[in-house]
Amino acid sequence: MSIKEMPFITCDEFNGVPSYMKSRLTYNQINDVIKEINKAVISKYKILHQPKKSMNSVTRNLYHRFIDEETKDTKGRYFIVEADIKEFTTLKADKKFHVLLNILRHCRRLSEVRGGGLTRYVIT
């Protein structure tokens, strides 16, 4: 099973991001966040591909939350929500994080699917 990961941004792409978007973020900070997002995606989809019998109750609860968050727009696509970021990474979903997400959207690394009070970050 291969899980789709977000490719790192290149120097050229970083240089193409408008400076008002970047604020004080560096190229390395953005790629570090991509690394963390990939970690969350892999952790999440490993659970989704696990046989239900082998799950403990904590994992099973996560599994059901993942299933509930699926929509027709995200079917068959890899996505995470803020709760996954809190669960699987050391990132904080603060203002800086949302600035980073804007840059990743600008570089076409992810898109947003909103609905049911949740924002799903879909890896493109």
PDB file of N, CA and C in Angstrom:
ATOM      1  N   MET A   1       0.852  -1.191   0.000  1.00  0.00           N
ATOM      2  CA  MET A   1       0.000   0.000   0.000  1.00  0.00           C
ATOM      3  C   MET A   1       0.885   1.237   0.000  1.00  0.00           C
ATOM      4  N   SER A   2       0.636   2.119  -0.934  1.00  0.00           N
ATOM      5  CA  SER A   2       1.423   3.351  -0.921  1.00  0.00           C
ATOM      6  C   SER A   2       0.501   4.509  -0.566  1.00  0.00           C
ATOM      7  N   ILE A   3       0.964   5.317   0.344  1.00  0.00           N
ATOM      8  CA  ILE A   3       0.194   6.464   0.810  1.00  0.00           C
ATOM      9  C   ILE A   3       0.767   7.696   0.133  1.00  0.00           C
ATOM     10  N   LYS A   4      -0.111   8.492  -0.444  1.00  0.00           N
ATOM     11  CA  LYS A   4       0.351   9.683  -1.167  1.00  0.00           C
ATOM     12  C   LYS A   4       0.925  10.701  -0.189  1.00  0.00           C
ATOM     13  N   GLU A   5       2.150  11.113  -0.456  1.00  0.00           N
ATOM     14  CA  GLU A   5       2.776  12.131   0.380  1.00  0.00           C
ATOM     15  C   GLU A   5       2.901  13.429  -0.395  1.00  0.00           C
ATOM     16  N   MET A   6       2.963  14.510   0.355  1.00  0.00           N
ATOM     17  CA  MET A   6       3.097  15.821  -0.260  1.00  0.00           C
ATOM     18  C   MET A   6       4.566  16.051  -0.628  1.00  0.00           C
ATOM     19  N   PRO A   7       4.847  16.375  -1.893  1.00  0.00           N
ATOM     20  CA  PRO A   7       6.249  16.644  -2.263  1.00  0.00           C
ATOM     21  C   PRO A   7       6.730  17.961  -1.641  1.00  0.00           C
ATOM     22  N   PHE A   8       8.010  18.035  -1.342  1.00  0.00           N
ATOM     23  CA  PHE A   8       8.583  19.269  -0.805  1.00  0.00           C
ATOM     24  C   PHE A   8       8.532  20.364  -1.860  1.00  0.00           C
ATOM     25  N   ILE A   9       8.543  21.618  -1.390  1.00  0.00           N
ATOM     26  CA  ILE A   9       8.568  22.698  -2.374  1.00  0.00           C
ATOM     27  C   ILE A   9      10.008  22.946  -2.799  1.00  0.00           C
ATOM     28  N   THR A  10      10.165  23.426  -4.007  1.00  0.00           N
ATOM     29  CA  THR A  10      11.499  23.705  -4.541  1.00  0.00           C
ATOM     30  C   THR A  10      11.859  25.160  -4.241  1.00  0.00           C
ATOM     31  N   CYS A  11      13.126  25.477  -4.381  1.00  0.00           N
ATOM     32  CA  CYS A  11      13.575  26.869  -4.190  1.00  0.00           C
ATOM     33  C   CYS A  11      12.840  27.808  -5.136  1.00  0.00           C
ATOM     34  N   ASP A  12      12.701  27.360  -6.399  1.00  0.00           N
ATOM     35  CA  ASP A  12      12.010  28.200  -7.383  1.00  0.00           C
ATOM     36  C   ASP A  12      10.576  28.480  -6.960  1.00  0.00           C
ATOM     37  N   GLU A  13       9.899  27.431  -6.485  1.00  0.00           N
ATOM     38  CA  GLU A  13       8.514  27.640  -6.040  1.00  0.00           C
ATOM     39  C   GLU A  13       8.477  28.618  -4.867  1.00  0.00           C
ATOM     40  N   PHE A  14       9.395  28.420  -3.921  1.00  0.00           N
ATOM     41  CA  PHE A  14       9.438  29.302  -2.751  1.00  0.00           C
ATOM     42  C   PHE A  14       9.656  30.747  -3.185  1.00  0.00           C
ATOM     43  N   ASN A  15      10.570  30.940  -4.140  1.00  0.00           N
ATOM     44  CA  ASN A  15      10.848  32.291  -4.622  1.00  0.00           C
ATOM     45  C   ASN A  15       9.654  32.883  -5.372  1.00  0.00           C
ATOM     46  N   GLY A  16       8.789  32.011  -5.901  1.00  0.00           N
ATOM     47  CA  GLY A  16       7.607  32.474  -6.622  1.00  0.00           C
ATOM     48  C   GLY A  16       6.437  32.836  -5.725  1.00  0.00           C
ATOM     49  N   VAL A  17       6.552  32.520  -4.435  1.00  0.00           N
ATOM     50  CA  VAL A  17       5.466  32.857  -3.493  1.00  0.00           C
ATOM     51  C   VAL A  17       5.547  34.356  -3.196  1.00  0.00           C
ATOM     52  N   PRO A  18       4.422  35.069  -3.327  1.00  0.00           N
ATOM     53  CA  PRO A  18       4.453  36.521  -3.049  1.00  0.00           C
ATOM     54  C   PRO A  18       4.966  36.794  -1.634  1.00  0.00           C
ATOM     55  N   SER A  19       5.774  37.837  -1.470  1.00  0.00           N
ATOM     56  CA  SER A  19       6.412  38.084  -0.170  1.00  0.00           C
ATOM     57  C   SER A  19       5.385  38.379   0.928  1.00  0.00           C
ATOM     58  N   TYR A  20       4.226  38.976   0.592  1.00  0.00           N
ATOM     59  CA  TYR A  20       3.229  39.244   1.634  1.00  0.00           C
ATOM     60  C   TYR A  20       2.707  37.929   2.224  1.00  0.00           C
ATOM     61  N   MET A  21       2.769  36.854   1.445  1.00  0.00           N
ATOM     62  CA  MET A  21       2.299  35.546   1.923  1.00  0.00           C
ATOM     63  C   MET A  21       3.319  34.894   2.842  1.00  0.00           C
ATOM     64  N   LYS A  22       4.595  35.099   2.520  1.00  0.00           N
ATOM     65  CA  LYS A  22       5.654  34.403   3.248  1.00  0.00           C
ATOM     66  C   LYS A  22       5.865  34.929   4.651  1.00  0.00           C
ATOM     67  N   SER A  23       5.512  36.189   4.896  1.00  0.00           N
ATOM     68  CA  SER A  23       5.865  36.909   6.123  1.00  0.00           C
ATOM     69  C   SER A  23       7.324  36.592   6.446  1.00  0.00           C
ATOM     70  N   ARG A  24       7.630  35.967   7.603  1.00  0.00           N
ATOM     71  CA  ARG A  24       9.050  35.709   7.907  1.00  0.00           C
ATOM     72  C   ARG A  24       9.406  34.232   7.764  1.00  0.00           C
ATOM     73  N   LEU A  25       8.591  33.491   7.073  1.00  0.00           N
ATOM     74  CA  LEU A  25       8.834  32.050   6.962  1.00  0.00           C
ATOM     75  C   LEU A  25       9.972  31.744   5.994  1.00  0.00           C
ATOM     76  N   THR A  26      10.729  30.725   6.327  1.00  0.00           N
ATOM     77  CA  THR A  26      11.840  30.336   5.456  1.00  0.00           C
ATOM     78  C   THR A  26      11.456  29.085   4.669  1.00  0.00           C
ATOM     79  N   TYR A  27      12.220  28.855   3.655  1.00  0.00           N
ATOM     80  CA  TYR A  27      12.074  27.672   2.797  1.00  0.00           C
ATOM     81  C   TYR A  27      12.123  26.393   3.646  1.00  0.00           C
ATOM     82  N   ASN A  28      13.101  26.326   4.577  1.00  0.00           N
ATOM     83  CA  ASN A  28      13.241  25.133   5.422  1.00  0.00           C
ATOM     84  C   ASN A  28      12.058  24.928   6.356  1.00  0.00           C
ATOM     85  N   GLN A  29      11.524  26.023   6.904  1.00  0.00           N
ATOM     86  CA  GLN A  29      10.362  25.902   7.792  1.00  0.00           C
ATOM     87  C   GLN A  29       9.179  25.289   7.044  1.00  0.00           C
ATOM     88  N   ILE A  30       8.985  25.704   5.808  1.00  0.00           N
ATOM     89  CA  ILE A  30       7.867  25.186   5.025  1.00  0.00           C
ATOM     90  C   ILE A  30       8.051  23.694   4.765  1.00  0.00           C
ATOM     91  N   ASN A  31       9.259  23.298   4.377  1.00  0.00           N
ATOM     92  CA  ASN A  31       9.501  21.874   4.126  1.00  0.00           C
ATOM     93  C   ASN A  31       9.442  21.046   5.408  1.00  0.00           C
ATOM     94  N   ASP A  32       9.799  21.644   6.547  1.00  0.00           N
ATOM     95  CA  ASP A  32       9.654  20.937   7.828  1.00  0.00           C
ATOM     96  C   ASP A  32       8.190  20.666   8.125  1.00  0.00           C
ATOM     97  N   VAL A  33       7.336  21.627   7.812  1.00  0.00           N
ATOM     98  CA  VAL A  33       5.902  21.436   8.029  1.00  0.00           C
ATOM     99  C   VAL A  33       5.360  20.371   7.075  1.00  0.00           C
ATOM    100  N   ILE A  34       5.838  20.367   5.831  1.00  0.00           N
ATOM    101  CA  ILE A  34       5.423  19.323   4.879  1.00  0.00           C
ATOM    102  C   ILE A  34       5.788  17.947   5.447  1.00  0.00           C
ATOM    103  N   LYS A  35       6.993  17.840   6.039  1.00  0.00           N
ATOM    104  CA  LYS A  35       7.437  16.585   6.642  1.00  0.00           C
ATOM    105  C   LYS A  35       6.453  16.142   7.741  1.00  0.00           C
ATOM    106  N   GLU A  36       6.040  17.090   8.585  1.00  0.00           N
ATOM    107  CA  GLU A  36       5.106  16.783   9.669  1.00  0.00           C
ATOM    108  C   GLU A  36       3.725  16.399   9.128  1.00  0.00           C
ATOM    109  N   ILE A  37       3.267  17.128   8.113  1.00  0.00           N
ATOM    110  CA  ILE A  37       1.965  16.817   7.506  1.00  0.00           C
ATOM    111  C   ILE A  37       2.008  15.406   6.916  1.00  0.00           C
ATOM    112  N   ASN A  38       3.108  15.076   6.243  1.00  0.00           N
ATOM    113  CA  ASN A  38       3.247  13.724   5.683  1.00  0.00           C
ATOM    114  C   ASN A  38       3.208  12.666   6.786  1.00  0.00           C
ATOM    115  N   LYS A  39       3.829  12.991   7.928  1.00  0.00           N
ATOM    116  CA  LYS A  39       3.818  12.065   9.065  1.00  0.00           C
ATOM    117  C   LYS A  39       2.367  11.816   9.518  1.00  0.00           C
ATOM    118  N   ALA A  40       1.584  12.885   9.582  1.00  0.00           N
ATOM    119  CA  ALA A  40       0.179  12.766  10.000  1.00  0.00           C
ATOM    120  C   ALA A  40      -0.617  11.943   8.988  1.00  0.00           C
ATOM    121  N   VAL A  41      -0.398  12.198   7.696  1.00  0.00           N
ATOM    122  CA  VAL A  41      -1.114  11.468   6.644  1.00  0.00           C
ATOM    123  C   VAL A  41      -0.791   9.974   6.724  1.00  0.00           C
ATOM    124  N   ILE A  42       0.493   9.654   6.866  1.00  0.00           N
ATOM    125  CA  ILE A  42       0.907   8.252   6.930  1.00  0.00           C
ATOM    126  C   ILE A  42       0.307   7.570   8.159  1.00  0.00           C
ATOM    127  N   SER A  43       0.383   8.229   9.315  1.00  0.00           N
ATOM    128  CA  SER A  43      -0.172   7.652  10.546  1.00  0.00           C
ATOM    129  C   SER A  43      -1.665   7.395  10.398  1.00  0.00           C
ATOM    130  N   LYS A  44      -2.373   8.380   9.839  1.00  0.00           N
ATOM    131  CA  LYS A  44      -3.824   8.261   9.676  1.00  0.00           C
ATOM    132  C   LYS A  44      -4.189   7.112   8.743  1.00  0.00           C
ATOM    133  N   TYR A  45      -3.544   7.059   7.579  1.00  0.00           N
ATOM    134  CA  TYR A  45      -3.942   6.056   6.596  1.00  0.00           C
ATOM    135  C   TYR A  45      -3.431   4.661   6.937  1.00  0.00           C
ATOM    136  N   LYS A  46      -2.394   4.571   7.773  1.00  0.00           N
ATOM    137  CA  LYS A  46      -1.983   3.256   8.276  1.00  0.00           C
ATOM    138  C   LYS A  46      -3.110   2.684   9.132  1.00  0.00           C
ATOM    139  N   ILE A  47      -3.708   3.544   9.948  1.00  0.00           N
ATOM    140  CA  ILE A  47      -4.828   3.099  10.790  1.00  0.00           C
ATOM    141  C   ILE A  47      -6.010   2.693   9.914  1.00  0.00           C
ATOM    142  N   LEU A  48      -6.304   3.499   8.891  1.00  0.00           N
ATOM    143  CA  LEU A  48      -7.436   3.183   8.015  1.00  0.00           C
ATOM    144  C   LEU A  48      -7.242   1.874   7.248  1.00  0.00           C
ATOM    145  N   HIS A  49      -5.990   1.485   6.988  1.00  0.00           N
ATOM    146  CA  HIS A  49      -5.735   0.256   6.238  1.00  0.00           C
ATOM    147  C   HIS A  49      -5.502  -0.957   7.145  1.00  0.00           C
ATOM    148  N   GLN A  50      -5.557  -0.723   8.446  1.00  0.00           N
ATOM    149  CA  GLN A  50      -5.315  -1.790   9.418  1.00  0.00           C
ATOM    150  C   GLN A  50      -6.559  -2.679   9.547  1.00  0.00           C
ATOM    151  N   PRO A  51      -6.382  -3.988   9.749  1.00  0.00           N
ATOM    152  CA  PRO A  51      -7.577  -4.823   9.981  1.00  0.00           C
ATOM    153  C   PRO A  51      -8.246  -4.404  11.301  1.00  0.00           C
ATOM    154  N   LYS A  52      -9.572  -4.273  11.285  1.00  0.00           N
ATOM    155  CA  LYS A  52     -10.302  -3.794  12.466  1.00  0.00           C
ATOM    156  C   LYS A  52     -10.048  -4.680  13.692  1.00  0.00           C
ATOM    157  N   LYS A  53      -9.879  -5.969  13.480  1.00  0.00           N
ATOM    158  CA  LYS A  53      -9.678  -6.890  14.607  1.00  0.00           C
ATOM    159  C   LYS A  53      -8.410  -6.577  15.396  1.00  0.00           C
ATOM    160  N   SER A  54      -7.413  -6.005  14.711  1.00  0.00           N
ATOM    161  CA  SER A  54      -6.134  -5.765  15.390  1.00  0.00           C
ATOM    162  C   SER A  54      -6.104  -4.418  16.123  1.00  0.00           C
ATOM    163  N   MET A  55      -7.206  -3.673  16.097  1.00  0.00           N
ATOM    164  CA  MET A  55      -7.208  -2.330  16.693  1.00  0.00           C
ATOM    165  C   MET A  55      -7.570  -2.369  18.166  1.00  0.00           C
ATOM    166  N   ASN A  56      -6.891  -1.518  18.953  1.00  0.00           N
ATOM    167  CA  ASN A  56      -7.345  -1.321  20.323  1.00  0.00           C
ATOM    168  C   ASN A  56      -8.432  -0.240  20.317  1.00  0.00           C
ATOM    169  N   SER A  57      -9.001   0.060  21.465  1.00  0.00           N
ATOM    170  CA  SER A  57     -10.163   0.972  21.476  1.00  0.00           C
ATOM    171  C   SER A  57      -9.788   2.393  21.039  1.00  0.00           C
ATOM    172  N   VAL A  58      -8.595   2.840  21.411  1.00  0.00           N
ATOM    173  CA  VAL A  58      -8.161   4.191  21.018  1.00  0.00           C
ATOM    174  C   VAL A  58      -8.055   4.274  19.495  1.00  0.00           C
ATOM    175  N   THR A  59      -7.403   3.267  18.905  1.00  0.00           N
ATOM    176  CA  THR A  59      -7.237   3.233  17.451  1.00  0.00           C
ATOM    177  C   THR A  59      -8.591   3.116  16.766  1.00  0.00           C
ATOM    178  N   ARG A  60      -9.474   2.295  17.334  1.00  0.00           N
ATOM    179  CA  ARG A  60     -10.803   2.124  16.736  1.00  0.00           C
ATOM    180  C   ARG A  60     -11.582   3.435  16.766  1.00  0.00           C
ATOM    181  N   ASN A  61     -11.466   4.192  17.844  1.00  0.00           N
ATOM    182  CA  ASN A  61     -12.147   5.498  17.915  1.00  0.00           C
ATOM    183  C   ASN A  61     -11.608   6.444  16.847  1.00  0.00           C
ATOM    184  N   LEU A  62     -10.285   6.442  16.658  1.00  0.00           N
ATOM    185  CA  LEU A  62      -9.688   7.268  15.603  1.00  0.00           C
ATOM    186  C   LEU A  62     -10.207   6.827  14.242  1.00  0.00           C
ATOM    187  N   TYR A  63     -10.242   5.516  14.035  1.00  0.00           N
ATOM    188  CA  TYR A  63     -10.715   4.958  12.762  1.00  0.00           C
ATOM    189  C   TYR A  63     -12.122   5.470  12.452  1.00  0.00           C
ATOM    190  N   HIS A  64     -13.013   5.419  13.456  1.00  0.00           N
ATOM    191  CA  HIS A  64     -14.392   5.867  13.233  1.00  0.00           C
ATOM    192  C   HIS A  64     -14.463   7.365  12.973  1.00  0.00           C
ATOM    193  N   ARG A  65     -13.604   8.131  13.648  1.00  0.00           N
ATOM    194  CA  ARG A  65     -13.576   9.579  13.384  1.00  0.00           C
ATOM    195  C   ARG A  65     -13.132   9.822  11.939  1.00  0.00           C
ATOM    196  N   PHE A  66     -12.109   9.097  11.477  1.00  0.00           N
ATOM    197  CA  PHE A  66     -11.639   9.266  10.103  1.00  0.00           C
ATOM    198  C   PHE A  66     -12.758   8.963   9.111  1.00  0.00           C
ATOM    199  N   ILE A  67     -13.496   7.890   9.357  1.00  0.00           N
ATOM    200  CA  ILE A  67     -14.582   7.489   8.453  1.00  0.00           C
ATOM    201  C   ILE A  67     -15.668   8.568   8.442  1.00  0.00           C
ATOM    202  N   ASP A  68     -15.993   9.092   9.630  1.00  0.00           N
ATOM    203  CA  ASP A  68     -17.031  10.133   9.726  1.00  0.00           C
ATOM    204  C   ASP A  68     -16.630  11.406   8.990  1.00  0.00           C
ATOM    205  N   GLU A  69     -15.337  11.682   8.918  1.00  0.00           N
ATOM    206  CA  GLU A  69     -14.872  12.921   8.282  1.00  0.00           C
ATOM    207  C   GLU A  69     -14.843  12.839   6.765  1.00  0.00           C
ATOM    208  N   GLU A  70     -14.931  11.639   6.216  1.00  0.00           N
ATOM    209  CA  GLU A  70     -14.954  11.428   4.764  1.00  0.00           C
ATOM    210  C   GLU A  70     -16.206  12.109   4.184  1.00  0.00           C
ATOM    211  N   THR A  71     -16.076  12.732   3.037  1.00  0.00           N
ATOM    212  CA  THR A  71     -17.245  13.244   2.314  1.00  0.00           C
ATOM    213  C   THR A  71     -17.137  12.742   0.882  1.00  0.00           C
ATOM    214  N   LYS A  72     -18.181  12.990   0.100  1.00  0.00           N
ATOM    215  CA  LYS A  72     -18.118  12.550  -1.301  1.00  0.00           C
ATOM    216  C   LYS A  72     -16.979  13.270  -2.042  1.00  0.00           C
ATOM    217  N   ASP A  73     -16.653  14.475  -1.581  1.00  0.00           N
ATOM    218  CA  ASP A  73     -15.570  15.239  -2.222  1.00  0.00           C
ATOM    219  C   ASP A  73     -14.182  14.703  -1.878  1.00  0.00           C
ATOM    220  N   THR A  74     -14.059  13.993  -0.757  1.00  0.00           N
ATOM    221  CA  THR A  74     -12.730  13.508  -0.355  1.00  0.00           C
ATOM    222  C   THR A  74     -12.573  12.015  -0.612  1.00  0.00           C
ATOM    223  N   LYS A  75     -13.621  11.383  -1.114  1.00  0.00           N
ATOM    224  CA  LYS A  75     -13.577   9.940  -1.373  1.00  0.00           C
ATOM    225  C   LYS A  75     -12.375   9.595  -2.261  1.00  0.00           C
ATOM    226  N   GLY A  76     -11.568   8.644  -1.797  1.00  0.00           N
ATOM    227  CA  GLY A  76     -10.435   8.209  -2.604  1.00  0.00           C
ATOM    228  C   GLY A  76      -9.267   9.182  -2.641  1.00  0.00           C
ATOM    229  N   ARG A  77      -9.341  10.251  -1.834  1.00  0.00           N
ATOM    230  CA  ARG A  77      -8.240  11.214  -1.791  1.00  0.00           C
ATOM    231  C   ARG A  77      -7.655  11.228  -0.385  1.00  0.00           C
ATOM    232  N   TYR A  78      -6.401  11.607  -0.288  1.00  0.00           N
ATOM    233  CA  TYR A  78      -5.744  11.672   1.018  1.00  0.00           C
ATOM    234  C   TYR A  78      -5.930  13.055   1.612  1.00  0.00           C
ATOM    235  N   PHE A  79      -6.452  13.104   2.832  1.00  0.00           N
ATOM    236  CA  PHE A  79      -6.645  14.395   3.482  1.00  0.00           C
ATOM    237  C   PHE A  79      -6.452  14.258   4.986  1.00  0.00           C
ATOM    238  N   ILE A  80      -6.191  15.406   5.625  1.00  0.00           N
ATOM    239  CA  ILE A  80      -6.132  15.453   7.078  1.00  0.00           C
ATOM    240  C   ILE A  80      -6.955  16.639   7.556  1.00  0.00           C
ATOM    241  N   VAL A  81      -7.287  16.629   8.820  1.00  0.00           N
ATOM    242  CA  VAL A  81      -7.970  17.759   9.451  1.00  0.00           C
ATOM    243  C   VAL A  81      -7.081  18.227  10.606  1.00  0.00           C
ATOM    244  N   GLU A  82      -7.433  19.354  11.216  1.00  0.00           N
ATOM    245  CA  GLU A  82      -6.600  19.880  12.302  1.00  0.00           C
ATOM    246  C   GLU A  82      -6.441  18.877  13.438  1.00  0.00           C
ATOM    247  N   ALA A  83      -7.486  18.103  13.722  1.00  0.00           N
ATOM    248  CA  ALA A  83      -7.399  17.112  14.806  1.00  0.00           C
ATOM    249  C   ALA A  83      -6.296  16.090  14.525  1.00  0.00           C
ATOM    250  N   ASP A  84      -6.092  15.735  13.238  1.00  0.00           N
ATOM    251  CA  ASP A  84      -5.027  14.785  12.881  1.00  0.00           C
ATOM    252  C   ASP A  84      -3.651  15.406  13.134  1.00  0.00           C
ATOM    253  N   ILE A  85      -3.548  16.699  12.874  1.00  0.00           N
ATOM    254  CA  ILE A  85      -2.284  17.394  13.086  1.00  0.00           C
ATOM    255  C   ILE A  85      -1.960  17.391  14.577  1.00  0.00           C
ATOM    256  N   LYS A  86      -2.989  17.638  15.409  1.00  0.00           N
ATOM    257  CA  LYS A  86      -2.786  17.617  16.860  1.00  0.00           C
ATOM    258  C   LYS A  86      -2.442  16.209  17.337  1.00  0.00           C
ATOM    259  N   GLU A  87      -3.065  15.217  16.737  1.00  0.00           N
ATOM    260  CA  GLU A  87      -2.907  13.821  17.145  1.00  0.00           C
ATOM    261  C   GLU A  87      -1.527  13.259  16.802  1.00  0.00           C
ATOM    262  N   PHE A  88      -1.051  13.531  15.601  1.00  0.00           N
ATOM    263  CA  PHE A  88       0.131  12.824  15.088  1.00  0.00           C
ATOM    264  C   PHE A  88       1.399  13.664  14.965  1.00  0.00           C
ATOM    265  N   THR A  89       1.319  14.974  15.200  1.00  0.00           N
ATOM    266  CA  THR A  89       2.517  15.803  15.019  1.00  0.00           C
ATOM    267  C   THR A  89       2.726  16.716  16.221  1.00  0.00           C
ATOM    268  N   THR A  90       3.841  17.411  16.207  1.00  0.00           N
ATOM    269  CA  THR A  90       4.126  18.384  17.267  1.00  0.00           C
ATOM    270  C   THR A  90       3.743  19.792  16.817  1.00  0.00           C
ATOM    271  N   LEU A  91       3.129  19.902  15.647  1.00  0.00           N
ATOM    272  CA  LEU A  91       2.755  21.224  15.126  1.00  0.00           C
ATOM    273  C   LEU A  91       1.602  21.811  15.925  1.00  0.00           C
ATOM    274  N   LYS A  92       1.575  23.131  15.968  1.00  0.00           N
ATOM    275  CA  LYS A  92       0.438  23.819  16.574  1.00  0.00           C
ATOM    276  C   LYS A  92      -0.352  24.470  15.445  1.00  0.00           C
ATOM    277  N   ALA A  93      -1.663  24.308  15.496  1.00  0.00           N
ATOM    278  CA  ALA A  93      -2.500  24.888  14.439  1.00  0.00           C
ATOM    279  C   ALA A  93      -2.756  26.362  14.771  1.00  0.00           C
ATOM    280  N   ASP A  94      -1.686  27.152  14.751  1.00  0.00           N
ATOM    281  CA  ASP A  94      -1.796  28.569  15.089  1.00  0.00           C
ATOM    282  C   ASP A  94      -1.800  29.421  13.816  1.00  0.00           C
ATOM    283  N   LYS A  95      -1.679  30.730  14.011  1.00  0.00           N
ATOM    284  CA  LYS A  95      -1.729  31.650  12.882  1.00  0.00           C
ATOM    285  C   LYS A  95      -0.612  31.335  11.866  1.00  0.00           C
ATOM    286  N   LYS A  96       0.593  31.069  12.381  1.00  0.00           N
ATOM    287  CA  LYS A  96       1.732  30.756  11.510  1.00  0.00           C
ATOM    288  C   LYS A  96       1.446  29.508  10.671  1.00  0.00           C
ATOM    289  N   PHE A  97       0.805  28.543  11.300  1.00  0.00           N
ATOM    290  CA  PHE A  97       0.464  27.305  10.602  1.00  0.00           C
ATOM    291  C   PHE A  97      -0.489  27.599   9.447  1.00  0.00           C
ATOM    292  N   HIS A  98      -1.465  28.476   9.681  1.00  0.00           N
ATOM    293  CA  HIS A  98      -2.425  28.808   8.622  1.00  0.00           C
ATOM    294  C   HIS A  98      -1.779  29.618   7.496  1.00  0.00           C
ATOM    295  N   VAL A  99      -0.772  30.423   7.846  1.00  0.00           N
ATOM    296  CA  VAL A  99      -0.001  31.136   6.820  1.00  0.00           C
ATOM    297  C   VAL A  99       0.708  30.105   5.938  1.00  0.00           C
ATOM    298  N   LEU A 100       1.287  29.080   6.598  1.00  0.00           N
ATOM    299  CA  LEU A 100       1.950  27.999   5.868  1.00  0.00           C
ATOM    300  C   LEU A 100       0.986  27.263   4.954  1.00  0.00           C
ATOM    301  N   LEU A 101      -0.219  26.999   5.437  1.00  0.00           N
ATOM    302  CA  LEU A 101      -1.211  26.306   4.607  1.00  0.00           C
ATOM    303  C   LEU A 101      -1.545  27.133   3.369  1.00  0.00           C
ATOM    304  N   ASN A 102      -1.618  28.455   3.529  1.00  0.00           N
ATOM    305  CA  ASN A 102      -1.857  29.336   2.375  1.00  0.00           C
ATOM    306  C   ASN A 102      -0.768  29.178   1.333  1.00  0.00           C
ATOM    307  N   ILE A 103       0.477  29.111   1.804  1.00  0.00           N
ATOM    308  CA  ILE A 103       1.609  28.950   0.882  1.00  0.00           C
ATOM    309  C   ILE A 103       1.503  27.597   0.180  1.00  0.00           C
ATOM    310  N   LEU A 104       1.164  26.546   0.935  1.00  0.00           N
ATOM    311  CA  LEU A 104       1.036  25.211   0.343  1.00  0.00           C
ATOM    312  C   LEU A 104      -0.102  25.172  -0.679  1.00  0.00           C
ATOM    313  N   ARG A 105      -1.171  25.915  -0.399  1.00  0.00           N
ATOM    314  CA  ARG A 105      -2.260  26.010  -1.389  1.00  0.00           C
ATOM    315  C   ARG A 105      -1.775  26.746  -2.627  1.00  0.00           C
ATOM    316  N   HIS A 106      -1.044  27.839  -2.401  1.00  0.00           N
ATOM    317  CA  HIS A 106      -0.501  28.630  -3.506  1.00  0.00           C
ATOM    318  C   HIS A 106       0.403  27.762  -4.394  1.00  0.00           C
ATOM    319  N   CYS A 107       1.192  26.889  -3.777  1.00  0.00           N
ATOM    320  CA  CYS A 107       2.101  26.007  -4.524  1.00  0.00           C
ATOM    321  C   CYS A 107       1.391  24.741  -5.001  1.00  0.00           C
ATOM    322  N   ARG A 108       0.092  24.695  -4.862  1.00  0.00           N
ATOM    323  CA  ARG A 108      -0.740  23.561  -5.287  1.00  0.00           C
ATOM    324  C   ARG A 108      -0.323  22.236  -4.651  1.00  0.00           C
ATOM    325  N   ARG A 109       0.054  22.292  -3.370  1.00  0.00           N
ATOM    326  CA  ARG A 109       0.383  21.066  -2.640  1.00  0.00           C
ATOM    327  C   ARG A 109      -0.856  20.511  -1.943  1.00  0.00           C
ATOM    328  N   LEU A 110      -1.779  21.416  -1.610  1.00  0.00           N
ATOM    329  CA  LEU A 110      -3.001  20.938  -0.998  1.00  0.00           C
ATOM    330  C   LEU A 110      -4.159  21.851  -1.354  1.00  0.00           C
ATOM    331  N   SER A 111      -5.362  21.301  -1.181  1.00  0.00           N
ATOM    332  CA  SER A 111      -6.552  22.112  -1.390  1.00  0.00           C
ATOM    333  C   SER A 111      -7.439  21.910  -0.170  1.00  0.00           C
ATOM    334  N   GLU A 112      -8.411  22.788  -0.020  1.00  0.00           N
ATOM    335  CA  GLU A 112      -9.309  22.684   1.133  1.00  0.00           C
ATOM    336  C   GLU A 112     -10.679  22.242   0.681  1.00  0.00           C
ATOM    337  N   VAL A 113     -11.265  21.344   1.451  1.00  0.00           N
ATOM    338  CA  VAL A 113     -12.653  20.966   1.252  1.00  0.00           C
ATOM    339  C   VAL A 113     -13.350  21.271   2.575  1.00  0.00           C
ATOM    340  N   ARG A 114     -14.289  22.206   2.525  1.00  0.00           N
ATOM    341  CA  ARG A 114     -14.986  22.591   3.756  1.00  0.00           C
ATOM    342  C   ARG A 114     -16.373  21.968   3.771  1.00  0.00           C
ATOM    343  N   GLY A 115     -16.860  21.754   4.980  1.00  0.00           N
ATOM    344  CA  GLY A 115     -18.209  21.219   5.113  1.00  0.00           C
ATOM    345  C   GLY A 115     -18.401  20.618   6.484  1.00  0.00           C
ATOM    346  N   GLY A 116     -19.617  20.726   7.015  1.00  0.00           N
ATOM    347  CA  GLY A 116     -19.929  20.149   8.315  1.00  0.00           C
ATOM    348  C   GLY A 116     -19.069  20.712   9.416  1.00  0.00           C
ATOM    349  N   GLY A 117     -18.686  21.985   9.311  1.00  0.00           N
ATOM    350  CA  GLY A 117     -17.889  22.638  10.344  1.00  0.00           C
ATOM    351  C   GLY A 117     -16.436  22.188  10.379  1.00  0.00           C
ATOM    352  N   LEU A 118     -15.988  21.473   9.356  1.00  0.00           N
ATOM    353  CA  LEU A 118     -14.609  20.964   9.320  1.00  0.00           C
ATOM    354  C   LEU A 118     -13.924  21.424   8.059  1.00  0.00           C
ATOM    355  N   THR A 119     -12.647  21.734   8.166  1.00  0.00           N
ATOM    356  CA  THR A 119     -11.851  21.993   6.965  1.00  0.00           C
ATOM    357  C   THR A 119     -10.946  20.790   6.750  1.00  0.00           C
ATOM    358  N   ARG A 120     -11.070  20.194   5.606  1.00  0.00           N
ATOM    359  CA  ARG A 120     -10.224  19.044   5.264  1.00  0.00           C
ATOM    360  C   ARG A 120      -9.135  19.531   4.323  1.00  0.00           C
ATOM    361  N   TYR A 121      -7.891  19.203   4.664  1.00  0.00           N
ATOM    362  CA  TYR A 121      -6.760  19.600   3.829  1.00  0.00           C
ATOM    363  C   TYR A 121      -6.399  18.408   2.952  1.00  0.00           C
ATOM    364  N   VAL A 122      -6.719  18.526   1.669  1.00  0.00           N
ATOM    365  CA  VAL A 122      -6.547  17.416   0.726  1.00  0.00           C
ATOM    366  C   VAL A 122      -5.199  17.562   0.027  1.00  0.00           C
ATOM    367  N   ILE A 123      -4.426  16.488   0.026  1.00  0.00           N
ATOM    368  CA  ILE A 123      -3.132  16.506  -0.656  1.00  0.00           C
ATOM    369  C   ILE A 123      -3.368  16.375  -2.159  1.00  0.00           C
ATOM    370  N   THR A 124      -2.823  17.334  -2.902  1.00  0.00           N
ATOM    371  CA  THR A 124      -3.098  17.344  -4.348  1.00  0.00           C
ATOM    372  C   THR A 124      -1.949  16.737  -5.136  1.00  0.00           C
TER     373      THR A 124
END
